[in-house]
N, C-alpha and C. Protein backbone atom coordinates (compact mmCIF):
# COMPACT_ATOMS: atom_id res chain seq x y z
N UNK A 1 0.85 -1.18 0.00
CA UNK A 1 0.00 0.00 0.00
C UNK A 1 0.89 1.24 0.00
N UNK A 2 0.58 2.17 -0.86
CA UNK A 2 1.32 3.43 -0.96
C UNK A 2 0.59 4.50 -0.16
N UNK A 3 1.27 5.63 0.06
CA UNK A 3 0.62 6.74 0.76
C UNK A 3 1.16 8.07 0.27
N UNK A 4 0.37 9.11 0.50
CA UNK A 4 0.80 10.49 0.23
C UNK A 4 0.45 11.33 1.46
N UNK A 5 1.20 12.39 1.63
CA UNK A 5 0.95 13.36 2.72
C UNK A 5 1.24 14.72 2.11
N UNK A 6 0.21 15.54 1.96
CA UNK A 6 0.32 16.79 1.22
C UNK A 6 -0.15 17.99 2.03
N UNK A 7 0.43 19.13 1.69
CA UNK A 7 0.03 20.42 2.24
C UNK A 7 -0.42 21.27 1.05
N UNK A 8 -1.62 21.84 1.15
CA UNK A 8 -2.17 22.61 0.04
C UNK A 8 -2.33 24.06 0.47
N UNK A 9 -1.75 24.96 -0.33
CA UNK A 9 -1.74 26.39 -0.03
C UNK A 9 -2.56 27.13 -1.08
N UNK A 10 -3.23 28.18 -0.66
CA UNK A 10 -4.02 29.01 -1.57
C UNK A 10 -5.35 29.34 -0.92
N UNK A 11 -6.36 29.61 -1.74
CA UNK A 11 -7.71 29.83 -1.20
C UNK A 11 -8.36 28.45 -1.11
N UNK A 12 -8.12 27.79 0.05
CA UNK A 12 -8.54 26.41 0.21
C UNK A 12 -9.39 26.20 1.47
N UNK A 13 -9.67 27.26 2.21
CA UNK A 13 -10.57 27.14 3.35
C UNK A 13 -11.81 27.97 3.08
N UNK A 14 -12.95 27.44 3.47
CA UNK A 14 -14.22 28.16 3.26
C UNK A 14 -14.77 28.00 1.86
N UNK A 15 -14.25 27.05 1.09
CA UNK A 15 -14.71 26.85 -0.29
C UNK A 15 -15.12 25.40 -0.55
N UNK A 16 -15.27 24.60 0.50
CA UNK A 16 -15.66 23.20 0.34
C UNK A 16 -14.53 22.27 -0.04
N UNK A 17 -13.29 22.72 0.17
CA UNK A 17 -12.14 21.92 -0.26
C UNK A 17 -12.08 20.58 0.46
N UNK A 18 -12.28 20.56 1.78
CA UNK A 18 -12.18 19.30 2.53
C UNK A 18 -13.25 18.32 2.08
N UNK A 19 -14.47 18.79 1.87
CA UNK A 19 -15.54 17.91 1.41
C UNK A 19 -15.24 17.37 0.02
N UNK A 20 -14.70 18.21 -0.84
CA UNK A 20 -14.32 17.81 -2.19
C UNK A 20 -13.27 16.69 -2.13
N UNK A 21 -12.26 16.86 -1.29
CA UNK A 21 -11.21 15.85 -1.15
C UNK A 21 -11.79 14.58 -0.54
N UNK A 22 -12.60 14.72 0.50
CA UNK A 22 -13.20 13.55 1.15
C UNK A 22 -14.01 12.73 0.15
N UNK A 23 -14.86 13.39 -0.61
CA UNK A 23 -15.70 12.67 -1.57
C UNK A 23 -14.86 12.01 -2.66
N UNK A 24 -13.84 12.70 -3.14
CA UNK A 24 -12.95 12.14 -4.16
C UNK A 24 -12.22 10.92 -3.61
N UNK A 25 -11.66 11.03 -2.42
CA UNK A 25 -10.91 9.92 -1.81
C UNK A 25 -11.81 8.72 -1.56
N UNK A 26 -13.05 8.96 -1.14
CA UNK A 26 -13.97 7.84 -0.90
C UNK A 26 -14.33 7.14 -2.21
N UNK A 27 -14.54 7.92 -3.28
CA UNK A 27 -14.81 7.30 -4.59
C UNK A 27 -13.64 6.44 -5.04
N UNK A 28 -12.43 6.85 -4.66
CA UNK A 28 -11.22 6.11 -5.03
C UNK A 28 -10.87 5.01 -4.04
N UNK A 29 -11.71 4.82 -3.02
CA UNK A 29 -11.54 3.78 -2.00
C UNK A 29 -10.21 3.92 -1.23
N UNK A 30 -9.87 5.16 -0.87
CA UNK A 30 -8.64 5.43 -0.13
C UNK A 30 -8.91 5.55 1.37
N UNK A 31 -7.90 5.29 2.15
CA UNK A 31 -7.92 5.55 3.59
C UNK A 31 -7.29 6.91 3.81
N UNK A 32 -7.58 7.54 4.97
CA UNK A 32 -6.89 8.77 5.30
C UNK A 32 -7.78 9.85 5.84
N UNK A 33 -7.26 11.07 5.80
CA UNK A 33 -7.97 12.23 6.34
C UNK A 33 -7.54 13.50 5.61
N UNK A 34 -8.37 14.53 5.76
CA UNK A 34 -8.06 15.88 5.28
C UNK A 34 -8.45 16.84 6.38
N UNK A 35 -7.66 17.90 6.57
CA UNK A 35 -7.91 18.81 7.68
C UNK A 35 -7.52 20.23 7.33
N UNK A 36 -8.33 21.19 7.79
CA UNK A 36 -7.89 22.58 7.77
C UNK A 36 -6.82 22.72 8.83
N UNK A 37 -5.86 23.58 8.58
CA UNK A 37 -4.86 23.89 9.59
C UNK A 37 -5.07 25.32 10.07
N UNK A 38 -4.63 25.58 11.28
CA UNK A 38 -4.80 26.90 11.88
C UNK A 38 -4.08 27.98 11.08
N UNK A 39 -3.06 27.61 10.30
CA UNK A 39 -2.30 28.58 9.52
C UNK A 39 -2.94 28.89 8.16
N UNK A 40 -4.16 28.35 7.91
CA UNK A 40 -4.87 28.64 6.67
C UNK A 40 -4.64 27.65 5.55
N UNK A 41 -3.78 26.66 5.77
CA UNK A 41 -3.52 25.64 4.77
C UNK A 41 -4.43 24.44 5.00
N UNK A 42 -4.46 23.54 4.03
CA UNK A 42 -5.15 22.26 4.18
C UNK A 42 -4.08 21.17 4.09
N UNK A 43 -4.23 20.16 4.93
CA UNK A 43 -3.30 19.03 4.96
C UNK A 43 -4.10 17.77 4.71
N UNK A 44 -3.51 16.85 3.94
CA UNK A 44 -4.17 15.58 3.73
C UNK A 44 -3.16 14.45 3.76
N UNK A 45 -3.62 13.31 4.22
CA UNK A 45 -2.84 12.08 4.22
C UNK A 45 -3.75 10.99 3.69
N UNK A 46 -3.25 10.21 2.74
CA UNK A 46 -4.07 9.17 2.13
C UNK A 46 -3.22 7.94 1.83
N UNK A 47 -3.89 6.78 1.85
CA UNK A 47 -3.21 5.52 1.53
C UNK A 47 -4.11 4.68 0.65
N UNK A 48 -3.47 3.93 -0.24
CA UNK A 48 -4.19 3.06 -1.16
C UNK A 48 -3.28 2.69 -2.31
N UNK A 49 -3.88 2.33 -3.43
CA UNK A 49 -3.05 1.97 -4.59
C UNK A 49 -2.50 3.24 -5.25
N UNK A 50 -1.35 3.09 -5.88
CA UNK A 50 -0.62 4.23 -6.43
C UNK A 50 -1.44 5.01 -7.45
N UNK A 51 -2.19 4.33 -8.30
CA UNK A 51 -2.98 5.01 -9.33
C UNK A 51 -4.05 5.91 -8.71
N UNK A 52 -4.74 5.40 -7.69
CA UNK A 52 -5.77 6.20 -7.01
C UNK A 52 -5.17 7.39 -6.28
N UNK A 53 -4.00 7.19 -5.69
CA UNK A 53 -3.32 8.30 -5.01
C UNK A 53 -2.92 9.39 -5.99
N UNK A 54 -2.47 8.99 -7.18
CA UNK A 54 -2.12 9.97 -8.21
C UNK A 54 -3.35 10.79 -8.61
N UNK A 55 -4.49 10.12 -8.74
CA UNK A 55 -5.73 10.81 -9.08
C UNK A 55 -6.12 11.81 -7.99
N UNK A 56 -6.01 11.39 -6.72
CA UNK A 56 -6.35 12.28 -5.61
C UNK A 56 -5.42 13.49 -5.60
N UNK A 57 -4.12 13.26 -5.79
CA UNK A 57 -3.16 14.37 -5.81
C UNK A 57 -3.47 15.34 -6.96
N UNK A 58 -3.85 14.82 -8.10
CA UNK A 58 -4.20 15.67 -9.24
C UNK A 58 -5.44 16.51 -8.93
N UNK A 59 -6.44 15.92 -8.27
CA UNK A 59 -7.64 16.66 -7.89
C UNK A 59 -7.32 17.72 -6.83
N UNK A 60 -6.40 17.41 -5.93
CA UNK A 60 -6.00 18.37 -4.90
C UNK A 60 -5.33 19.59 -5.54
N UNK A 61 -4.65 19.39 -6.65
CA UNK A 61 -4.00 20.51 -7.34
C UNK A 61 -5.01 21.43 -8.00
N UNK A 62 -6.18 20.89 -8.35
CA UNK A 62 -7.24 21.69 -8.98
C UNK A 62 -8.19 22.28 -7.93
N UNK A 63 -8.66 21.42 -7.03
CA UNK A 63 -9.62 21.85 -6.02
C UNK A 63 -11.01 21.99 -6.60
N UNK A 64 -11.98 22.28 -5.74
CA UNK A 64 -13.36 22.47 -6.19
C UNK A 64 -13.55 23.87 -6.77
N UNK A 65 -14.72 24.13 -7.40
CA UNK A 65 -15.00 25.50 -7.85
C UNK A 65 -14.93 26.45 -6.66
N UNK A 66 -14.35 27.59 -6.85
CA UNK A 66 -14.20 28.57 -5.78
C UNK A 66 -12.85 28.53 -5.10
N UNK A 67 -12.16 27.40 -5.22
CA UNK A 67 -10.81 27.29 -4.63
C UNK A 67 -9.78 27.83 -5.62
N UNK A 68 -8.66 28.27 -5.10
CA UNK A 68 -7.54 28.66 -5.94
C UNK A 68 -6.28 28.07 -5.30
N UNK A 69 -5.87 26.92 -5.82
CA UNK A 69 -4.69 26.24 -5.29
C UNK A 69 -3.45 26.89 -5.86
N UNK A 70 -2.59 27.37 -4.97
CA UNK A 70 -1.34 28.01 -5.37
C UNK A 70 -0.17 27.06 -5.33
N UNK A 71 -0.19 26.10 -4.39
CA UNK A 71 0.94 25.19 -4.24
C UNK A 71 0.49 23.93 -3.51
N UNK A 72 1.02 22.80 -3.96
CA UNK A 72 0.84 21.53 -3.26
C UNK A 72 2.23 21.00 -2.97
N UNK A 73 2.50 20.77 -1.69
CA UNK A 73 3.84 20.37 -1.25
C UNK A 73 3.75 19.03 -0.53
N UNK A 74 4.71 18.15 -0.79
CA UNK A 74 4.79 16.87 -0.10
C UNK A 74 5.36 17.06 1.29
N UNK A 75 4.78 16.35 2.24
CA UNK A 75 5.23 16.35 3.63
C UNK A 75 5.80 14.97 3.95
N UNK A 76 6.48 14.83 5.09
CA UNK A 76 7.03 13.52 5.46
C UNK A 76 5.92 12.45 5.50
N UNK A 77 6.27 11.24 5.09
CA UNK A 77 5.27 10.17 5.03
C UNK A 77 4.63 9.87 6.38
N UNK A 78 3.39 9.38 6.30
CA UNK A 78 2.65 8.91 7.47
C UNK A 78 2.41 7.42 7.25
N UNK A 79 2.52 6.64 8.31
CA UNK A 79 2.31 5.19 8.23
C UNK A 79 0.90 4.90 7.70
N UNK A 80 0.79 4.22 6.56
CA UNK A 80 -0.52 3.93 5.99
C UNK A 80 -1.45 3.19 6.96
N UNK A 81 -0.90 2.34 7.80
CA UNK A 81 -1.71 1.56 8.74
C UNK A 81 -2.39 2.45 9.78
N UNK A 82 -1.89 3.68 9.96
CA UNK A 82 -2.47 4.58 10.96
C UNK A 82 -3.62 5.41 10.40
N UNK A 83 -3.89 5.31 9.12
CA UNK A 83 -4.91 6.15 8.48
C UNK A 83 -6.28 5.49 8.52
N UNK A 84 -7.32 6.25 8.89
CA UNK A 84 -8.66 5.68 9.02
C UNK A 84 -9.32 5.38 7.68
N UNK A 85 -10.19 4.38 7.71
CA UNK A 85 -11.01 4.08 6.54
C UNK A 85 -12.43 3.96 7.03
N UNK A 86 -13.40 4.62 6.45
CA UNK A 86 -13.27 5.40 5.22
C UNK A 86 -12.55 6.73 5.46
N UNK A 87 -12.04 7.28 4.37
CA UNK A 87 -11.39 8.59 4.39
C UNK A 87 -12.35 9.59 5.01
N UNK A 88 -11.83 10.47 5.86
CA UNK A 88 -12.72 11.39 6.54
C UNK A 88 -12.09 12.76 6.74
N UNK A 89 -12.88 13.67 7.23
CA UNK A 89 -12.42 15.02 7.57
C UNK A 89 -11.98 15.00 9.04
N UNK A 90 -10.77 15.47 9.29
CA UNK A 90 -10.24 15.50 10.65
C UNK A 90 -10.40 16.91 11.22
N UNK A 91 -10.29 17.02 12.52
CA UNK A 91 -10.37 18.32 13.19
C UNK A 91 -9.19 19.19 12.79
N UNK A 92 -9.34 20.49 13.01
CA UNK A 92 -8.26 21.44 12.68
C UNK A 92 -6.98 21.00 13.37
N UNK A 93 -5.89 21.02 12.62
CA UNK A 93 -4.59 20.57 13.14
C UNK A 93 -3.77 21.77 13.53
């Protein structure tokens, strides 16, 4: 099982970004979470097959209507076994 851990910068809070990511990840049958951060960024961690993770990362770069993603940065890996299934929205980090 592969995993990704991303930080998304831009207009990504207050535009339905977490719900968009949650719904996309669930359609792709991924484990993990997405969370708003106190610094205005969104963070996500996901685990599953590599192809589905690539699709999720591509959607995170676009975001939902109303979002304006400026940057997506990789963060240190998170143990895939620690990620919840189904994929869900986590509390502010």
